[in-house]
Amino acid sequence: MTQYPFETAHDLPPCSISVTNELTKTGNWRNSKPVFHKEKCIQCGICWKVCPNACIELGEYPTWNMDYCKGCGVCAEECPKDAIEMVDERVMI
């Protein structure tokens, strides 16, 4: 298991502070989408901190604004409890 040099997500600097508007929507670039597993989540907020498009909002649990999620998978990669998995959403013809 990866050891992290911080105790909570609030100890981390934000990855980005994105402007979300009609010109910055990147959701249609996506090949994969995040699927959240609430039962695994420890509410650490790391996903929110590392999202390069700032499309994750924190409440009781994180939620994704799919208009801005480009499916990069950074949130899933950095989640210490594997509460996020990336699934292919391409349509095969």
Protein backbone atom coordinates (compact mmCIF):
# COMPACT_ATOMS: atom_id res chain seq x y z
CA MET A 1 0.00 0.00 0.00
CA THR A 2 1.23 3.46 -0.87
CA GLN A 3 2.23 5.66 2.05
CA TYR A 4 1.11 9.27 1.78
CA PRO A 5 2.97 12.20 3.38
CA PHE A 6 -0.24 13.82 4.59
CA GLU A 7 -3.03 13.01 6.99
CA THR A 8 -6.06 14.44 5.19
CA ALA A 9 -6.85 15.85 1.79
CA HIS A 10 -6.89 19.30 3.31
CA ASP A 11 -3.11 18.98 3.76
CA LEU A 12 -2.68 18.80 -0.02
CA PRO A 13 -2.61 21.72 -2.41
CA PRO A 14 -5.38 21.55 -5.02
CA CYS A 15 -4.32 20.07 -8.36
CA SER A 16 -6.12 22.75 -10.28
CA ILE A 17 -8.67 25.41 -9.90
CA SER A 18 -10.57 25.12 -13.14
CA VAL A 19 -13.05 27.49 -14.60
CA THR A 20 -16.13 25.50 -15.49
CA ASN A 21 -18.18 27.05 -18.25
CA GLU A 22 -19.49 26.16 -21.70
CA LEU A 23 -16.05 26.67 -23.25
CA THR A 24 -14.29 24.27 -20.87
CA LYS A 25 -16.59 21.26 -21.05
CA THR A 26 -14.44 18.18 -21.66
CA GLY A 27 -16.91 15.39 -20.91
CA ASN A 28 -17.29 14.50 -24.57
CA TRP A 29 -13.57 13.61 -24.75
CA ARG A 30 -14.10 10.69 -22.41
CA ASN A 31 -13.49 7.02 -23.25
CA SER A 32 -13.75 5.89 -19.63
CA LYS A 33 -15.91 7.12 -16.79
CA PRO A 34 -15.47 6.93 -13.03
CA VAL A 35 -17.75 4.57 -11.15
CA PHE A 36 -17.94 5.33 -7.44
CA HIS A 37 -18.24 2.61 -4.77
CA LYS A 38 -19.65 4.37 -1.72
CA GLU A 39 -19.09 1.40 0.59
CA LYS A 40 -15.30 1.67 0.09
CA CYS A 41 -15.03 5.44 0.45
CA ILE A 42 -13.37 6.82 3.59
CA GLN A 43 -14.21 10.44 2.67
CA CYS A 44 -10.57 11.51 2.54
CA GLY A 45 -11.12 13.98 -0.33
CA ILE A 46 -8.02 12.93 -2.26
CA CYS A 47 -10.06 12.47 -5.45
CA TRP A 48 -11.22 16.06 -5.20
CA LYS A 49 -7.70 17.36 -4.64
CA VAL A 50 -6.11 15.53 -7.58
CA CYS A 51 -8.79 16.08 -10.24
CA PRO A 52 -7.16 18.19 -12.96
CA ASN A 53 -10.51 19.53 -14.18
CA ALA A 54 -11.97 20.24 -10.74
CA CYS A 55 -15.11 18.31 -11.69
CA ILE A 56 -15.50 16.54 -8.33
CA GLU A 57 -17.61 18.14 -5.64
CA LEU A 58 -17.40 17.10 -2.02
CA GLY A 59 -20.49 16.63 0.07
CA GLU A 60 -21.21 13.65 2.24
CA TYR A 61 -19.56 11.71 -0.60
CA PRO A 62 -17.86 12.93 -3.77
CA THR A 63 -19.91 13.51 -6.90
CA TRP A 64 -18.68 14.06 -10.46
CA ASN A 65 -19.88 16.71 -12.87
CA MET A 66 -19.71 14.53 -15.98
CA ASP A 67 -19.88 17.57 -18.27
CA TYR A 68 -16.29 18.31 -17.22
CA CYS A 69 -14.90 14.86 -16.42
CA LYS A 70 -12.62 13.81 -19.26
CA GLY A 71 -12.05 10.32 -17.89
CA CYS A 72 -8.35 10.71 -17.12
CA GLY A 73 -8.55 8.31 -14.16
CA VAL A 74 -6.34 10.29 -11.79
CA CYS A 75 -9.03 10.12 -9.10
CA ALA A 76 -9.24 6.33 -9.39
CA GLU A 77 -5.46 5.92 -9.43
CA GLU A 78 -4.96 8.01 -6.30
CA CYS A 79 -7.89 6.70 -4.24
CA PRO A 80 -6.30 4.83 -1.30
CA LYS A 81 -9.31 2.50 -0.91
CA ASP A 82 -10.06 1.77 -4.60
CA ALA A 83 -13.50 3.35 -4.20
CA ILE A 84 -13.36 4.63 -7.78
CA GLU A 85 -12.94 2.46 -10.84
CA MET A 86 -12.71 3.55 -14.43
CA VAL A 87 -15.00 1.73 -16.85
CA ASP A 88 -14.98 1.86 -20.63
CA GLU A 89 -17.94 3.78 -22.01
CA ARG A 90 -17.09 3.63 -25.71
CA VAL A 91 -19.75 2.20 -27.95
CA MET A 92 -18.48 -0.64 -30.07
CA ILE A 93 -19.96 -0.73 -33.56
